[in-house]
Structures are given as structure tokens and as C-alpha cells.
């Protein structure tokens, strides 16, 4: 999700489609997500600052916070249960198409970018 930050306008939308075929991930990642949900971004950041070392698998939650500072993060998946989705600090969406249409309407801008293979492609914005 941080790979697209160069092309997301402030307040824009990042819509992620992911199978999440391995579920939520490690116990440590789930713990970090629950901490972010419980403490909020500011509280989570303060918790991190109070440590000498990061916890295992906490880094992706830190990356999520970077994305949240820029815009809104939405997730479409069929691989997580509704209870799993309650523990993540993103907006679950039932339809990619509906989320795109809602974003275009809310932003008043019909320009979108589709980034295949998410973490393996880093798009750059170059004004014409």
C-alpha cells in the first residue's frame, strides 16, 4: 500500500484487492493490528516510540499508518472472516467496482490507477 503513495492525492483512496489466502497472517501481525485499532494511529505511534526495538511483524502496521496519513485504505477480500475484518484498521468493501465508483464520485475526479502485483510495482506520478 505504500508503493502507491506517490500517486495518491491527499485524502484519496487506496483500494486493495487481496485474496488473503493465508488469513490474517502471523499472531504478531494480528496483535499489531489489534493494537492499532485499540490505540488509534497516534497512540500506536507513541507506543512504538517508547520501545527500543520493534516487535516481530509490526512493520506492516507501521506501513499502513503511512498510507492512512495520506488517504483512505479500503480492502476487498474473500479470504478473511467478518471477525478478522473487525481487527484491521482499513475499510472492508464488498465490491471493487462499487468502491471505485464511490471514490470517483467523492473525489470528483475520474482518474484512477490500477497497479498489478501491488508490492512489486512502484508507480510514479509525472505531470504532463
C-alpha atoms as a PDB file:
ATOM      1  CA  UNK A   1       0.000   0.000   0.000  1.00  0.00           C
ATOM      2  CA  UNK A   2       2.911   2.402   0.462  1.00  0.00           C
ATOM      3  CA  UNK A   3       4.140   1.713  -3.057  1.00  0.00           C
ATOM      4  CA  UNK A   4       1.301   3.837  -4.464  1.00  0.00           C
ATOM      5  CA  UNK A   5       1.706   6.831  -2.142  1.00  0.00           C
ATOM      6  CA  UNK A   6       3.452   8.886  -4.833  1.00  0.00           C
ATOM      7  CA  UNK A   7       0.325   8.797  -6.998  1.00  0.00           C
ATOM      8  CA  UNK A   8      -2.397   9.171  -4.342  1.00  0.00           C
ATOM      9  CA  UNK A   9      -3.745  12.671  -3.810  1.00  0.00           C
ATOM     10  CA  UNK A  10      -4.133  13.759  -0.179  1.00  0.00           C
ATOM     11  CA  UNK A  11      -7.446  12.378   1.028  1.00  0.00           C
ATOM     12  CA  UNK A  12      -7.531   9.964  -1.902  1.00  0.00           C
ATOM     13  CA  UNK A  13      -8.448   6.314  -1.837  1.00  0.00           C
ATOM     14  CA  UNK A  14      -6.270   3.230  -1.958  1.00  0.00           C
ATOM     15  CA  UNK A  15      -8.390   0.222  -2.869  1.00  0.00           C
ATOM     16  CA  UNK A  16      -6.667  -3.083  -2.277  1.00  0.00           C
ATOM     17  CA  UNK A  17      -7.867  -6.377  -3.726  1.00  0.00           C
ATOM     18  CA  UNK A  18      -6.181  -9.278  -1.975  1.00  0.00           C
ATOM     19  CA  UNK A  19      -7.018 -12.954  -1.641  1.00  0.00           C
ATOM     20  CA  UNK A  20      -5.626 -13.086   1.916  1.00  0.00           C
ATOM     21  CA  UNK A  21      -5.405 -16.822   1.251  1.00  0.00           C
ATOM     22  CA  UNK A  22      -3.280 -17.305   4.359  1.00  0.00           C
ATOM     23  CA  UNK A  23      -5.742 -15.458   6.569  1.00  0.00           C
ATOM     24  CA  UNK A  24      -4.641 -12.539   8.713  1.00  0.00           C
ATOM     25  CA  UNK A  25      -1.024 -13.645   8.956  1.00  0.00           C
ATOM     26  CA  UNK A  26       1.155 -14.190  11.975  1.00  0.00           C
ATOM     27  CA  UNK A  27      -0.014 -13.873  15.561  1.00  0.00           C
ATOM     28  CA  UNK A  28       2.373 -10.919  15.929  1.00  0.00           C
ATOM     29  CA  UNK A  29       0.848  -9.106  12.942  1.00  0.00           C
ATOM     30  CA  UNK A  30      -2.670  -9.647  14.280  1.00  0.00           C
ATOM     31  CA  UNK A  31      -1.532  -8.316  17.665  1.00  0.00           C
ATOM     32  CA  UNK A  32      -0.125  -5.178  15.998  1.00  0.00           C
ATOM     33  CA  UNK A  33      -3.364  -4.656  14.073  1.00  0.00           C
ATOM     34  CA  UNK A  34      -5.426  -5.032  17.224  1.00  0.00           C
ATOM     35  CA  UNK A  35      -3.142  -2.555  18.998  1.00  0.00           C
ATOM     36  CA  UNK A  36      -3.601  -0.032  16.187  1.00  0.00           C
ATOM     37  CA  UNK A  37      -7.369  -0.491  16.377  1.00  0.00           C
ATOM     38  CA  UNK A  38      -7.382  -0.131  20.173  1.00  0.00           C
ATOM     39  CA  UNK A  39      -4.913   2.781  20.427  1.00  0.00           C
ATOM     40  CA  UNK A  40      -5.530   4.609  17.137  1.00  0.00           C
ATOM     41  CA  UNK A  41      -2.684   5.885  14.938  1.00  0.00           C
ATOM     42  CA  UNK A  42      -1.396   8.466  17.436  1.00  0.00           C
ATOM     43  CA  UNK A  43      -1.447   6.050  20.353  1.00  0.00           C
ATOM     44  CA  UNK A  44       0.185   3.321  18.286  1.00  0.00           C
ATOM     45  CA  UNK A  45       2.935   5.713  17.224  1.00  0.00           C
ATOM     46  CA  UNK A  46       3.541   6.705  20.851  1.00  0.00           C
ATOM     47  CA  UNK A  47       3.749   3.031  21.803  1.00  0.00           C
ATOM     48  CA  UNK A  48       6.381   2.489  19.097  1.00  0.00           C
ATOM     49  CA  UNK A  49       8.410   5.491  20.227  1.00  0.00           C
ATOM     50  CA  UNK A  50       8.526   4.059  23.749  1.00  0.00           C
ATOM     51  CA  UNK A  51      10.340   0.930  22.572  1.00  0.00           C
ATOM     52  CA  UNK A  52      13.939   0.297  21.836  1.00  0.00           C
ATOM     53  CA  UNK A  53      13.136  -2.373  19.224  1.00  0.00           C
ATOM     54  CA  UNK A  54      10.127  -3.127  17.031  1.00  0.00           C
ATOM     55  CA  UNK A  55       8.112  -6.258  17.629  1.00  0.00           C
ATOM     56  CA  UNK A  56       8.074  -9.052  15.041  1.00  0.00           C
ATOM     57  CA  UNK A  57       5.769  -8.338  12.047  1.00  0.00           C
ATOM     58  CA  UNK A  58       4.842  -4.899  13.360  1.00  0.00           C
ATOM     59  CA  UNK A  59       6.382  -3.178  10.323  1.00  0.00           C
ATOM     60  CA  UNK A  60       3.373  -3.731   8.034  1.00  0.00           C
ATOM     61  CA  UNK A  61       1.117  -1.999  10.545  1.00  0.00           C
ATOM     62  CA  UNK A  62       3.579   0.893  10.503  1.00  0.00           C
ATOM     63  CA  UNK A  63       3.315   0.948   6.688  1.00  0.00           C
ATOM     64  CA  UNK A  64      -0.474   1.019   6.947  1.00  0.00           C
ATOM     65  CA  UNK A  65      -0.170   4.100   9.140  1.00  0.00           C
ATOM     66  CA  UNK A  66       1.936   5.807   6.439  1.00  0.00           C
ATOM     67  CA  UNK A  67      -0.822   5.154   3.916  1.00  0.00           C
ATOM     68  CA  UNK A  68      -3.510   6.376   6.346  1.00  0.00           C
ATOM     69  CA  UNK A  69      -1.655   9.679   6.736  1.00  0.00           C
ATOM     70  CA  UNK A  70      -2.199  10.269   3.007  1.00  0.00           C
ATOM     71  CA  UNK A  71      -5.640   8.849   2.338  1.00  0.00           C
ATOM     72  CA  UNK A  72      -8.223   6.165   2.935  1.00  0.00           C
ATOM     73  CA  UNK A  73      -7.386   2.475   2.690  1.00  0.00           C
ATOM     74  CA  UNK A  74     -10.086   0.042   1.551  1.00  0.00           C
ATOM     75  CA  UNK A  75      -9.809  -3.749   1.305  1.00  0.00           C
ATOM     76  CA  UNK A  76     -11.686  -6.228  -0.863  1.00  0.00           C
ATOM     77  CA  UNK A  77     -11.038  -9.839   0.073  1.00  0.00           C
ATOM     78  CA  UNK A  78     -12.784 -13.158   0.203  1.00  0.00           C
ATOM     79  CA  UNK A  79     -10.088 -14.669   2.428  1.00  0.00           C
ATOM     80  CA  UNK A  80     -10.927 -13.066   5.771  1.00  0.00           C
ATOM     81  CA  UNK A  81     -13.883 -13.635   8.036  1.00  0.00           C
ATOM     82  CA  UNK A  82     -16.057 -10.800   9.278  1.00  0.00           C
ATOM     83  CA  UNK A  83     -14.421 -11.143  12.709  1.00  0.00           C
ATOM     84  CA  UNK A  84     -10.955 -10.828  11.097  1.00  0.00           C
ATOM     85  CA  UNK A  85     -12.090  -7.666   9.330  1.00  0.00           C
ATOM     86  CA  UNK A  86     -13.066  -6.152  12.681  1.00  0.00           C
ATOM     87  CA  UNK A  87      -9.409  -6.238  13.758  1.00  0.00           C
ATOM     88  CA  UNK A  88      -7.916  -4.287  10.869  1.00  0.00           C
ATOM     89  CA  UNK A  89      -7.678  -0.524  10.512  1.00  0.00           C
ATOM     90  CA  UNK A  90      -8.933  -0.408   6.910  1.00  0.00           C
ATOM     91  CA  UNK A  91     -12.424  -0.165   5.477  1.00  0.00           C
ATOM     92  CA  UNK A  92     -13.658  -3.538   4.226  1.00  0.00           C
ATOM     93  CA  UNK A  93     -15.529  -3.250   0.925  1.00  0.00           C
ATOM     94  CA  UNK A  94     -17.914  -5.792  -0.637  1.00  0.00           C
ATOM     95  CA  UNK A  95     -17.228  -4.733  -4.242  1.00  0.00           C
ATOM     96  CA  UNK A  96     -14.212  -3.280  -6.034  1.00  0.00           C
ATOM     97  CA  UNK A  97     -16.429  -1.744  -8.720  1.00  0.00           C
ATOM     98  CA  UNK A  98     -18.691  -0.045  -6.160  1.00  0.00           C
ATOM     99  CA  UNK A  99     -15.680   1.254  -4.212  1.00  0.00           C
ATOM    100  CA  UNK A 100     -14.145   2.741  -7.363  1.00  0.00           C
ATOM    101  CA  UNK A 101     -17.416   4.401  -8.385  1.00  0.00           C
ATOM    102  CA  UNK A 102     -17.896   5.795  -4.862  1.00  0.00           C
ATOM    103  CA  UNK A 103     -14.311   7.097  -4.805  1.00  0.00           C
ATOM    104  CA  UNK A 104     -14.655   8.791  -8.200  1.00  0.00           C
ATOM    105  CA  UNK A 105     -17.875  10.445  -7.054  1.00  0.00           C
ATOM    106  CA  UNK A 106     -16.468  11.521  -3.669  1.00  0.00           C
ATOM    107  CA  UNK A 107     -13.207  12.818  -5.171  1.00  0.00           C
ATOM    108  CA  UNK A 108     -14.895  14.491  -8.139  1.00  0.00           C
ATOM    109  CA  UNK A 109     -12.167  13.024 -10.330  1.00  0.00           C
ATOM    110  CA  UNK A 110     -12.433  10.053 -12.681  1.00  0.00           C
ATOM    111  CA  UNK A 111      -8.697   9.420 -12.944  1.00  0.00           C
ATOM    112  CA  UNK A 112      -7.715   6.121 -11.346  1.00  0.00           C
ATOM    113  CA  UNK A 113      -4.608   3.967 -11.403  1.00  0.00           C
ATOM    114  CA  UNK A 114      -4.627   0.191 -11.385  1.00  0.00           C
ATOM    115  CA  UNK A 115      -1.413  -1.286 -10.032  1.00  0.00           C
ATOM    116  CA  UNK A 116      -1.000  -5.000 -10.692  1.00  0.00           C
ATOM    117  CA  UNK A 117       1.139  -7.095  -8.379  1.00  0.00           C
ATOM    118  CA  UNK A 118       0.901  -4.399  -5.681  1.00  0.00           C
ATOM    119  CA  UNK A 119       4.189  -4.615  -3.787  1.00  0.00           C
ATOM    120  CA  UNK A 120       6.209  -5.473  -6.884  1.00  0.00           C
ATOM    121  CA  UNK A 121       5.330  -2.335  -8.867  1.00  0.00           C
ATOM    122  CA  UNK A 122       6.051   1.222  -7.753  1.00  0.00           C
ATOM    123  CA  UNK A 123       4.193   3.781  -9.878  1.00  0.00           C
ATOM    124  CA  UNK A 124       5.472   7.325 -10.176  1.00  0.00           C
ATOM    125  CA  UNK A 125       3.448  10.407 -10.986  1.00  0.00           C
ATOM    126  CA  UNK A 126       4.830  12.612 -13.752  1.00  0.00           C
ATOM    127  CA  UNK A 127       2.680  15.610 -14.684  1.00  0.00           C
ATOM    128  CA  UNK A 128       2.309  16.160 -18.428  1.00  0.00           C
END
